[in-house]
N, C-alpha and C. Protein backbone atom coordinates (compact mmCIF):
# COMPACT_ATOMS: atom_id res chain seq x y z
N LYS A 1 7.37 13.14 17.81
CA LYS A 1 7.05 14.10 18.83
C LYS A 1 5.86 14.94 18.35
N MET A 2 4.94 15.17 19.24
CA MET A 2 3.73 15.95 18.90
C MET A 2 3.79 17.25 19.69
N ALA A 3 3.51 18.34 19.01
CA ALA A 3 3.45 19.65 19.66
C ALA A 3 2.02 20.16 19.57
N HIS A 4 1.42 20.48 20.69
CA HIS A 4 0.06 21.04 20.72
C HIS A 4 0.14 22.47 21.21
N TYR A 5 -0.59 23.33 20.55
CA TYR A 5 -0.67 24.71 20.97
C TYR A 5 -2.14 25.02 21.23
N THR A 6 -2.51 25.13 22.49
CA THR A 6 -3.91 25.32 22.84
C THR A 6 -4.07 26.63 23.61
N VAL A 7 -5.11 27.35 23.26
CA VAL A 7 -5.45 28.57 24.00
C VAL A 7 -6.92 28.52 24.35
N ARG A 8 -7.33 29.31 25.33
CA ARG A 8 -8.75 29.41 25.69
C ARG A 8 -9.25 30.76 25.25
N VAL A 9 -10.34 30.74 24.51
CA VAL A 9 -10.97 31.97 24.04
C VAL A 9 -12.40 31.96 24.57
N GLY A 10 -12.70 32.85 25.51
CA GLY A 10 -14.04 32.91 26.08
C GLY A 10 -14.46 31.60 26.72
N GLY A 11 -13.55 30.89 27.36
CA GLY A 11 -13.85 29.63 28.02
C GLY A 11 -13.88 28.43 27.08
N ILE A 12 -13.64 28.65 25.79
CA ILE A 12 -13.64 27.55 24.82
C ILE A 12 -12.19 27.20 24.47
N ARG A 13 -11.89 25.91 24.52
CA ARG A 13 -10.55 25.44 24.18
C ARG A 13 -10.40 25.46 22.66
N VAL A 14 -9.40 26.16 22.17
CA VAL A 14 -9.14 26.25 20.74
C VAL A 14 -7.74 25.71 20.47
N VAL A 15 -7.66 24.69 19.62
CA VAL A 15 -6.36 24.15 19.23
C VAL A 15 -5.85 25.00 18.08
N GLN A 16 -4.78 25.73 18.33
CA GLN A 16 -4.22 26.60 17.30
C GLN A 16 -3.38 25.81 16.31
N GLY A 17 -2.83 24.73 16.73
CA GLY A 17 -2.00 23.94 15.82
C GLY A 17 -1.52 22.67 16.47
N THR A 18 -1.38 21.66 15.67
CA THR A 18 -0.77 20.41 16.12
C THR A 18 0.28 20.07 15.10
N ALA A 19 1.30 19.46 15.54
CA ALA A 19 2.35 19.08 14.62
C ALA A 19 3.05 17.84 15.12
N ILE A 20 3.48 17.02 14.18
CA ILE A 20 4.32 15.86 14.48
C ILE A 20 5.58 16.05 13.65
N TYR A 21 6.72 15.73 14.25
CA TYR A 21 7.99 15.87 13.56
C TYR A 21 8.61 14.51 13.34
N CYS A 22 9.17 14.32 12.16
CA CYS A 22 9.89 13.09 11.85
C CYS A 22 11.12 13.01 12.73
N THR A 23 11.32 11.87 13.37
CA THR A 23 12.47 11.71 14.25
C THR A 23 13.78 11.55 13.47
N GLU A 24 13.68 11.24 12.18
CA GLU A 24 14.87 11.07 11.35
C GLU A 24 15.37 12.40 10.77
N CYS A 25 14.44 13.24 10.29
CA CYS A 25 14.86 14.46 9.56
C CYS A 25 14.21 15.74 10.07
N ASP A 26 13.37 15.64 11.10
CA ASP A 26 12.68 16.78 11.70
C ASP A 26 11.67 17.47 10.77
N LYS A 27 11.24 16.79 9.70
CA LYS A 27 10.21 17.37 8.85
C LYS A 27 8.92 17.46 9.66
N LYS A 28 8.22 18.57 9.50
CA LYS A 28 7.01 18.84 10.27
C LYS A 28 5.78 18.37 9.49
N PHE A 29 4.86 17.70 10.19
CA PHE A 29 3.59 17.26 9.62
C PHE A 29 2.47 17.84 10.45
N ASP A 30 1.53 18.49 9.78
CA ASP A 30 0.43 19.15 10.47
C ASP A 30 -0.80 19.10 9.58
N HIS A 31 -1.94 19.39 10.14
CA HIS A 31 -3.21 19.43 9.41
C HIS A 31 -4.00 20.63 9.92
N PRO A 32 -4.63 21.39 9.03
CA PRO A 32 -5.34 22.60 9.46
C PRO A 32 -6.40 22.35 10.53
N ASN A 33 -7.05 21.18 10.51
CA ASN A 33 -8.07 20.87 11.50
C ASN A 33 -7.51 20.14 12.71
N GLY A 34 -6.21 19.92 12.73
CA GLY A 34 -5.61 19.20 13.85
C GLY A 34 -5.97 17.73 13.86
N ASN A 35 -6.32 17.17 12.72
CA ASN A 35 -6.72 15.77 12.61
C ASN A 35 -5.51 14.88 12.87
N GLU A 36 -5.42 14.37 14.09
CA GLU A 36 -4.24 13.61 14.50
C GLU A 36 -4.05 12.33 13.71
N LYS A 37 -5.15 11.63 13.37
CA LYS A 37 -5.03 10.40 12.59
C LYS A 37 -4.44 10.70 11.21
N HIS A 38 -4.90 11.78 10.60
CA HIS A 38 -4.39 12.17 9.29
C HIS A 38 -2.91 12.53 9.38
N ILE A 39 -2.54 13.25 10.42
CA ILE A 39 -1.15 13.65 10.61
C ILE A 39 -0.27 12.42 10.82
N GLN A 40 -0.75 11.48 11.63
CA GLN A 40 0.00 10.24 11.88
C GLN A 40 0.20 9.47 10.57
N ASN A 41 -0.85 9.42 9.72
CA ASN A 41 -0.76 8.71 8.46
C ASN A 41 0.25 9.38 7.52
N MET A 42 0.25 10.72 7.51
CA MET A 42 1.23 11.43 6.67
C MET A 42 2.66 11.08 7.11
N LEU A 43 2.89 11.05 8.42
CA LEU A 43 4.21 10.70 8.93
C LEU A 43 4.57 9.26 8.59
N LYS A 44 3.60 8.36 8.74
CA LYS A 44 3.84 6.94 8.45
C LYS A 44 4.25 6.76 6.99
N GLN A 45 3.56 7.43 6.08
CA GLN A 45 3.91 7.34 4.66
C GLN A 45 5.26 8.00 4.39
N HIS A 46 5.54 9.12 5.05
CA HIS A 46 6.81 9.82 4.87
C HIS A 46 7.99 8.93 5.28
N MET A 47 7.82 8.12 6.30
CA MET A 47 8.92 7.31 6.82
C MET A 47 9.51 6.37 5.77
N GLN A 48 8.77 6.12 4.68
CA GLN A 48 9.30 5.29 3.59
C GLN A 48 10.60 5.87 3.03
N VAL A 49 10.72 7.20 2.99
CA VAL A 49 11.90 7.81 2.40
C VAL A 49 13.16 7.47 3.19
N HIS A 50 13.00 7.06 4.44
CA HIS A 50 14.15 6.73 5.27
C HIS A 50 14.49 5.24 5.25
N MET A 51 13.68 4.45 4.56
CA MET A 51 13.92 3.01 4.48
C MET A 51 14.98 2.74 3.41
N PRO A 52 15.84 1.76 3.64
CA PRO A 52 16.84 1.44 2.62
C PRO A 52 16.19 0.76 1.41
N ARG A 53 16.83 0.88 0.27
CA ARG A 53 16.35 0.25 -0.96
C ARG A 53 16.96 -1.15 -1.03
N THR A 54 16.20 -2.13 -0.54
CA THR A 54 16.72 -3.49 -0.47
C THR A 54 15.89 -4.52 -1.24
N VAL A 55 14.81 -4.08 -1.87
CA VAL A 55 13.91 -5.01 -2.55
C VAL A 55 14.19 -4.99 -4.05
N ALA A 56 14.51 -6.16 -4.58
CA ALA A 56 14.75 -6.29 -6.02
C ALA A 56 13.44 -6.56 -6.75
N CYS A 57 13.39 -6.20 -8.02
CA CYS A 57 12.21 -6.50 -8.84
C CYS A 57 12.16 -8.01 -9.08
N PRO A 58 11.00 -8.64 -8.86
CA PRO A 58 10.89 -10.09 -9.05
C PRO A 58 10.90 -10.49 -10.53
N ILE A 59 10.72 -9.54 -11.44
CA ILE A 59 10.68 -9.85 -12.87
C ILE A 59 12.03 -9.59 -13.54
N CYS A 60 12.51 -8.35 -13.46
CA CYS A 60 13.75 -8.00 -14.17
C CYS A 60 14.99 -8.15 -13.30
N GLY A 61 14.80 -8.35 -12.00
CA GLY A 61 15.93 -8.56 -11.10
C GLY A 61 16.69 -7.30 -10.74
N GLU A 62 16.14 -6.14 -11.05
CA GLU A 62 16.79 -4.87 -10.68
C GLU A 62 17.11 -4.93 -9.19
N GLN A 63 18.38 -4.85 -8.85
CA GLN A 63 18.82 -5.03 -7.47
C GLN A 63 18.76 -3.74 -6.66
N ASN A 64 18.32 -3.87 -5.42
CA ASN A 64 18.33 -2.78 -4.45
C ASN A 64 17.72 -1.48 -4.99
N MET A 65 16.64 -1.63 -5.74
CA MET A 65 16.03 -0.46 -6.35
C MET A 65 14.84 0.05 -5.55
N PHE A 66 14.20 -0.80 -4.77
CA PHE A 66 12.93 -0.43 -4.15
C PHE A 66 13.00 -0.53 -2.64
N ARG A 67 12.19 0.32 -1.99
CA ARG A 67 12.15 0.36 -0.53
C ARG A 67 11.16 -0.64 0.05
N SER A 68 10.22 -1.11 -0.77
CA SER A 68 9.21 -2.05 -0.28
C SER A 68 8.74 -2.95 -1.40
N THR A 69 8.07 -4.01 -1.01
CA THR A 69 7.47 -4.93 -1.98
C THR A 69 6.44 -4.19 -2.82
N THR A 70 5.67 -3.30 -2.20
CA THR A 70 4.67 -2.53 -2.94
C THR A 70 5.33 -1.70 -4.03
N ASN A 71 6.47 -1.08 -3.73
CA ASN A 71 7.17 -0.28 -4.74
C ASN A 71 7.63 -1.16 -5.91
N ALA A 72 8.10 -2.38 -5.63
CA ALA A 72 8.51 -3.29 -6.70
C ALA A 72 7.30 -3.70 -7.55
N VAL A 73 6.16 -3.97 -6.91
CA VAL A 73 4.95 -4.33 -7.64
C VAL A 73 4.47 -3.15 -8.47
N GLN A 74 4.55 -1.93 -7.94
CA GLN A 74 4.17 -0.73 -8.70
C GLN A 74 5.04 -0.61 -9.95
N HIS A 75 6.32 -0.90 -9.82
CA HIS A 75 7.25 -0.87 -10.94
C HIS A 75 6.79 -1.82 -12.05
N VAL A 76 6.37 -3.02 -11.67
CA VAL A 76 5.90 -4.00 -12.65
C VAL A 76 4.56 -3.55 -13.23
N GLU A 77 3.60 -3.21 -12.36
CA GLU A 77 2.25 -2.86 -12.82
C GLU A 77 2.22 -1.61 -13.71
N SER A 78 3.17 -0.73 -13.53
CA SER A 78 3.20 0.50 -14.33
C SER A 78 3.64 0.24 -15.77
N GLY A 79 4.24 -0.92 -16.00
CA GLY A 79 4.77 -1.22 -17.33
C GLY A 79 6.20 -0.73 -17.50
N ALA A 80 6.80 -0.19 -16.44
CA ALA A 80 8.17 0.31 -16.51
C ALA A 80 9.21 -0.80 -16.44
N CYS A 81 8.82 -1.97 -16.01
CA CYS A 81 9.74 -3.09 -15.88
C CYS A 81 10.10 -3.61 -17.28
N PRO A 82 11.39 -3.70 -17.60
CA PRO A 82 11.78 -4.18 -18.93
C PRO A 82 11.37 -5.64 -19.17
N GLY A 83 11.12 -6.39 -18.10
CA GLY A 83 10.71 -7.78 -18.24
C GLY A 83 9.23 -7.95 -18.51
N CYS A 84 8.47 -6.86 -18.44
CA CYS A 84 7.01 -6.94 -18.60
C CYS A 84 6.52 -5.61 -19.17
N LYS A 85 6.96 -5.31 -20.39
CA LYS A 85 6.72 -3.98 -20.97
C LYS A 85 5.24 -3.70 -21.24
N GLY A 86 4.88 -2.46 -21.03
CA GLY A 86 3.52 -1.99 -21.31
C GLY A 86 2.60 -2.19 -20.14
N GLU A 87 1.87 -1.14 -19.77
CA GLU A 87 0.99 -1.20 -18.60
C GLU A 87 -0.09 -2.28 -18.74
N GLY A 88 -0.73 -2.35 -19.90
CA GLY A 88 -1.78 -3.36 -20.11
C GLY A 88 -1.24 -4.77 -20.01
N ASN A 89 -0.09 -5.02 -20.63
CA ASN A 89 0.54 -6.34 -20.57
C ASN A 89 0.94 -6.67 -19.13
N ALA A 90 1.55 -5.71 -18.45
CA ALA A 90 1.99 -5.94 -17.07
C ALA A 90 0.80 -6.23 -16.17
N ARG A 91 -0.26 -5.47 -16.33
CA ARG A 91 -1.47 -5.66 -15.53
C ARG A 91 -2.03 -7.06 -15.74
N GLN A 92 -2.06 -7.50 -16.99
CA GLN A 92 -2.55 -8.84 -17.31
C GLN A 92 -1.66 -9.91 -16.69
N GLN A 93 -0.34 -9.73 -16.76
CA GLN A 93 0.60 -10.72 -16.22
C GLN A 93 0.46 -10.84 -14.69
N VAL A 94 0.32 -9.70 -14.03
CA VAL A 94 0.15 -9.72 -12.57
C VAL A 94 -1.17 -10.39 -12.21
N TYR A 95 -2.24 -10.05 -12.91
CA TYR A 95 -3.55 -10.66 -12.66
C TYR A 95 -3.50 -12.16 -12.89
N ASP A 96 -2.89 -12.59 -13.99
CA ASP A 96 -2.79 -14.02 -14.28
C ASP A 96 -1.98 -14.74 -13.19
N PHE A 97 -0.88 -14.12 -12.75
CA PHE A 97 -0.05 -14.72 -11.71
C PHE A 97 -0.86 -14.91 -10.43
N ILE A 98 -1.56 -13.85 -10.00
CA ILE A 98 -2.34 -13.93 -8.77
C ILE A 98 -3.49 -14.92 -8.92
N SER A 99 -4.13 -14.94 -10.08
CA SER A 99 -5.25 -15.85 -10.34
C SER A 99 -4.83 -17.31 -10.30
N ASN A 100 -3.60 -17.59 -10.69
CA ASN A 100 -3.13 -18.97 -10.80
C ASN A 100 -2.43 -19.49 -9.55
N LYS A 101 -2.35 -18.71 -8.52
CA LYS A 101 -1.72 -19.14 -7.26
C LYS A 101 -2.78 -19.25 -6.18
N LYS A 102 -2.93 -20.43 -5.66
CA LYS A 102 -3.93 -20.68 -4.61
C LYS A 102 -3.75 -19.71 -3.44
N GLU A 103 -2.51 -19.43 -3.08
CA GLU A 103 -2.22 -18.57 -1.92
C GLU A 103 -2.65 -17.13 -2.13
N SER A 104 -2.73 -16.68 -3.36
CA SER A 104 -3.03 -15.27 -3.60
C SER A 104 -4.44 -15.03 -4.14
N ARG A 105 -5.21 -16.06 -4.40
CA ARG A 105 -6.56 -15.86 -4.94
C ARG A 105 -7.45 -15.06 -4.01
N GLY A 106 -7.16 -15.05 -2.71
CA GLY A 106 -7.93 -14.28 -1.75
C GLY A 106 -7.84 -12.78 -1.96
N LEU A 107 -6.89 -12.34 -2.78
CA LEU A 107 -6.74 -10.92 -3.09
C LEU A 107 -7.73 -10.47 -4.16
N LEU A 108 -8.31 -11.44 -4.86
CA LEU A 108 -9.20 -11.13 -5.98
C LEU A 108 -10.61 -10.85 -5.51
N ALA A 109 -11.24 -9.88 -6.14
CA ALA A 109 -12.63 -9.54 -5.83
C ALA A 109 -13.56 -10.67 -6.26
N ASN A 110 -13.28 -11.26 -7.42
CA ASN A 110 -14.07 -12.37 -7.95
C ASN A 110 -13.11 -13.44 -8.45
N PRO A 111 -12.64 -14.31 -7.55
CA PRO A 111 -11.68 -15.34 -7.98
C PRO A 111 -12.25 -16.17 -9.13
N PRO A 112 -11.41 -16.46 -10.14
CA PRO A 112 -11.89 -17.26 -11.27
C PRO A 112 -12.17 -18.69 -10.84
N ALA A 113 -13.07 -19.33 -11.58
CA ALA A 113 -13.35 -20.74 -11.33
C ALA A 113 -12.10 -21.54 -11.64
N LEU A 114 -11.90 -22.62 -10.90
CA LEU A 114 -10.75 -23.48 -11.14
C LEU A 114 -10.96 -24.27 -12.42
N GLU A 115 -9.89 -24.39 -13.19
CA GLU A 115 -9.93 -25.21 -14.40
C GLU A 115 -9.41 -26.59 -14.05
N TRP A 116 -9.51 -27.50 -15.00
CA TRP A 116 -8.98 -28.83 -14.79
C TRP A 116 -7.50 -28.72 -14.47
N GLY A 117 -7.03 -29.39 -13.44
CA GLY A 117 -5.64 -29.32 -13.03
C GLY A 117 -5.41 -28.32 -11.91
N GLY A 118 -6.45 -27.59 -11.50
CA GLY A 118 -6.34 -26.70 -10.35
C GLY A 118 -5.89 -25.29 -10.65
N ALA A 119 -5.59 -24.99 -11.90
CA ALA A 119 -5.17 -23.62 -12.24
C ALA A 119 -6.39 -22.74 -12.37
N GLY A 120 -6.22 -21.47 -12.01
CA GLY A 120 -7.32 -20.52 -12.15
C GLY A 120 -7.52 -20.16 -13.61
N GLY A 121 -8.76 -19.94 -13.97
CA GLY A 121 -9.04 -19.49 -15.33
C GLY A 121 -8.57 -18.06 -15.48
N THR A 122 -7.99 -17.73 -16.61
CA THR A 122 -7.57 -16.36 -16.83
C THR A 122 -8.40 -15.77 -17.96
N GLY A 123 -8.38 -14.52 -18.06
CA GLY A 123 -9.13 -13.82 -19.09
C GLY A 123 -8.81 -12.35 -18.97
N ALA A 124 -9.68 -11.55 -19.53
CA ALA A 124 -9.48 -10.10 -19.45
C ALA A 124 -9.49 -9.66 -17.99
N VAL A 125 -8.64 -8.71 -17.68
CA VAL A 125 -8.55 -8.20 -16.31
C VAL A 125 -9.76 -7.31 -16.05
N PRO A 126 -10.55 -7.61 -15.01
CA PRO A 126 -11.66 -6.72 -14.67
C PRO A 126 -11.14 -5.33 -14.29
N ASP A 127 -12.01 -4.34 -14.34
CA ASP A 127 -11.60 -2.97 -14.01
C ASP A 127 -11.08 -2.87 -12.58
N LEU A 128 -11.76 -3.50 -11.62
CA LEU A 128 -11.34 -3.50 -10.21
C LEU A 128 -11.22 -4.94 -9.73
N PRO A 129 -10.11 -5.61 -10.07
CA PRO A 129 -10.00 -7.04 -9.78
C PRO A 129 -9.62 -7.40 -8.34
N TYR A 130 -9.10 -6.45 -7.57
CA TYR A 130 -8.58 -6.76 -6.24
C TYR A 130 -9.46 -6.18 -5.16
N LYS A 131 -9.55 -6.90 -4.03
CA LYS A 131 -10.47 -6.50 -2.97
C LYS A 131 -9.83 -6.71 -1.60
N CYS A 132 -9.96 -5.71 -0.74
CA CYS A 132 -9.53 -5.85 0.66
C CYS A 132 -10.55 -6.73 1.36
N GLN A 133 -10.10 -7.82 1.93
CA GLN A 133 -11.01 -8.74 2.61
C GLN A 133 -11.52 -8.20 3.94
N GLN A 134 -10.87 -7.14 4.45
CA GLN A 134 -11.29 -6.55 5.72
C GLN A 134 -12.44 -5.57 5.54
N CYS A 135 -12.33 -4.67 4.56
CA CYS A 135 -13.32 -3.60 4.43
C CYS A 135 -14.13 -3.67 3.14
N GLY A 136 -13.71 -4.51 2.20
CA GLY A 136 -14.44 -4.68 0.95
C GLY A 136 -14.09 -3.67 -0.14
N LYS A 137 -13.16 -2.75 0.12
CA LYS A 137 -12.78 -1.76 -0.88
C LYS A 137 -12.11 -2.47 -2.05
N MET A 138 -12.44 -2.01 -3.27
CA MET A 138 -11.94 -2.64 -4.49
C MET A 138 -10.80 -1.78 -5.07
N PHE A 139 -9.87 -2.44 -5.77
CA PHE A 139 -8.69 -1.77 -6.30
C PHE A 139 -8.40 -2.19 -7.73
N ARG A 140 -7.86 -1.25 -8.50
CA ARG A 140 -7.47 -1.51 -9.89
C ARG A 140 -6.13 -2.26 -9.94
N GLN A 141 -5.24 -1.96 -9.01
CA GLN A 141 -3.93 -2.59 -8.99
C GLN A 141 -3.67 -3.24 -7.64
N VAL A 142 -2.98 -4.39 -7.66
CA VAL A 142 -2.69 -5.08 -6.41
C VAL A 142 -1.75 -4.24 -5.54
N SER A 143 -0.91 -3.41 -6.16
CA SER A 143 -0.02 -2.54 -5.36
C SER A 143 -0.84 -1.53 -4.55
N ALA A 144 -1.98 -1.07 -5.10
CA ALA A 144 -2.85 -0.15 -4.36
C ALA A 144 -3.49 -0.87 -3.17
N LEU A 145 -3.87 -2.13 -3.37
CA LEU A 145 -4.40 -2.94 -2.26
C LEU A 145 -3.32 -3.12 -1.19
N MET A 146 -2.10 -3.39 -1.62
CA MET A 146 -1.01 -3.57 -0.66
C MET A 146 -0.77 -2.30 0.15
N GLN A 147 -0.78 -1.17 -0.54
CA GLN A 147 -0.59 0.11 0.15
C GLN A 147 -1.74 0.37 1.11
N HIS A 148 -2.95 0.09 0.69
CA HIS A 148 -4.13 0.24 1.54
C HIS A 148 -3.99 -0.60 2.81
N GLN A 149 -3.55 -1.84 2.63
CA GLN A 149 -3.43 -2.72 3.79
C GLN A 149 -2.30 -2.31 4.71
N GLN A 150 -1.35 -1.56 4.21
CA GLN A 150 -0.27 -1.10 5.07
C GLN A 150 -0.64 0.18 5.82
N TYR A 151 -1.38 1.09 5.16
CA TYR A 151 -1.58 2.41 5.73
C TYR A 151 -2.99 2.72 6.22
N SER A 152 -3.97 1.95 5.89
CA SER A 152 -5.35 2.26 6.30
C SER A 152 -5.66 1.65 7.65
N ARG A 153 -6.89 1.86 8.09
CA ARG A 153 -7.33 1.26 9.34
C ARG A 153 -7.31 -0.27 9.26
N CYS A 154 -7.33 -0.81 8.05
CA CYS A 154 -7.31 -2.27 7.87
C CYS A 154 -5.98 -2.86 8.31
N SER A 155 -4.92 -2.07 8.35
CA SER A 155 -3.63 -2.60 8.77
C SER A 155 -3.67 -3.05 10.23
N SER A 156 -4.41 -2.33 11.06
CA SER A 156 -4.50 -2.72 12.46
C SER A 156 -5.53 -3.83 12.66
N VAL A 157 -6.54 -3.89 11.78
CA VAL A 157 -7.57 -4.91 11.88
C VAL A 157 -7.03 -6.27 11.45
N LEU A 158 -6.07 -6.28 10.52
CA LEU A 158 -5.54 -7.53 10.00
C LEU A 158 -4.94 -8.40 11.10
N GLY A 159 -4.39 -7.77 12.12
CA GLY A 159 -3.78 -8.53 13.21
C GLY A 159 -2.50 -9.22 12.78
N LYS A 160 -2.08 -8.96 11.58
CA LYS A 160 -0.83 -9.49 11.05
C LYS A 160 -0.29 -8.44 10.11
N GLN A 161 0.85 -8.69 9.56
CA GLN A 161 1.45 -7.70 8.67
C GLN A 161 0.77 -7.72 7.32
N ALA A 162 0.71 -6.57 6.69
CA ALA A 162 0.11 -6.45 5.36
C ALA A 162 0.92 -7.26 4.36
N ILE A 163 0.33 -7.49 3.21
CA ILE A 163 0.94 -8.29 2.16
C ILE A 163 2.34 -7.78 1.86
N GLY A 164 3.34 -8.65 1.95
CA GLY A 164 4.68 -8.30 1.51
C GLY A 164 5.43 -7.33 2.38
N TYR A 165 4.99 -7.10 3.61
CA TYR A 165 5.63 -6.09 4.45
C TYR A 165 6.20 -6.67 5.72
N THR A 166 7.26 -6.07 6.14
CA THR A 166 7.72 -6.24 7.51
C THR A 166 7.70 -4.85 8.10
N ARG A 167 7.22 -4.75 9.29
CA ARG A 167 7.10 -3.42 9.90
C ARG A 167 8.45 -2.95 10.41
N ARG A 168 8.67 -1.66 10.23
CA ARG A 168 9.90 -1.05 10.73
C ARG A 168 9.60 -0.50 12.11
N ASN A 169 10.39 -0.87 13.09
CA ASN A 169 10.17 -0.38 14.46
C ASN A 169 11.25 0.58 14.85
């Protein structure tokens, strides 16, 4: 629900405030400039707190710990996953996994050349290895790319669901 408070001052329309309220918990979202897109994005991100924790970690198998695939990937990439300890090690493992899967190479900013047998070449992880194919923005972590594709303008441009997501209606 959106609440607009508008007054006229000397014939000029002045928006005193805009607000959107979460339909689940009635938390209020507003922006000093009345930026409706920003307010909508804040609400969209907030709605994650109301999603059930149904996604298990693909590495350590932690059950029902995460609300989304992005959260599970963040768990791995952060180095917090007991199956892939250390941020540097985890980052390398995720990069190698994505590099070696034909289906996911499109997430890479500079896909490695194929080696004999069709596997991607691996090596040191570049500083910004992941790229949004819609807008060209580069990312340090694939979870950041996933979040970008879910919440940015690219989510509507994709014409399909972002990586690893099902939309909640």
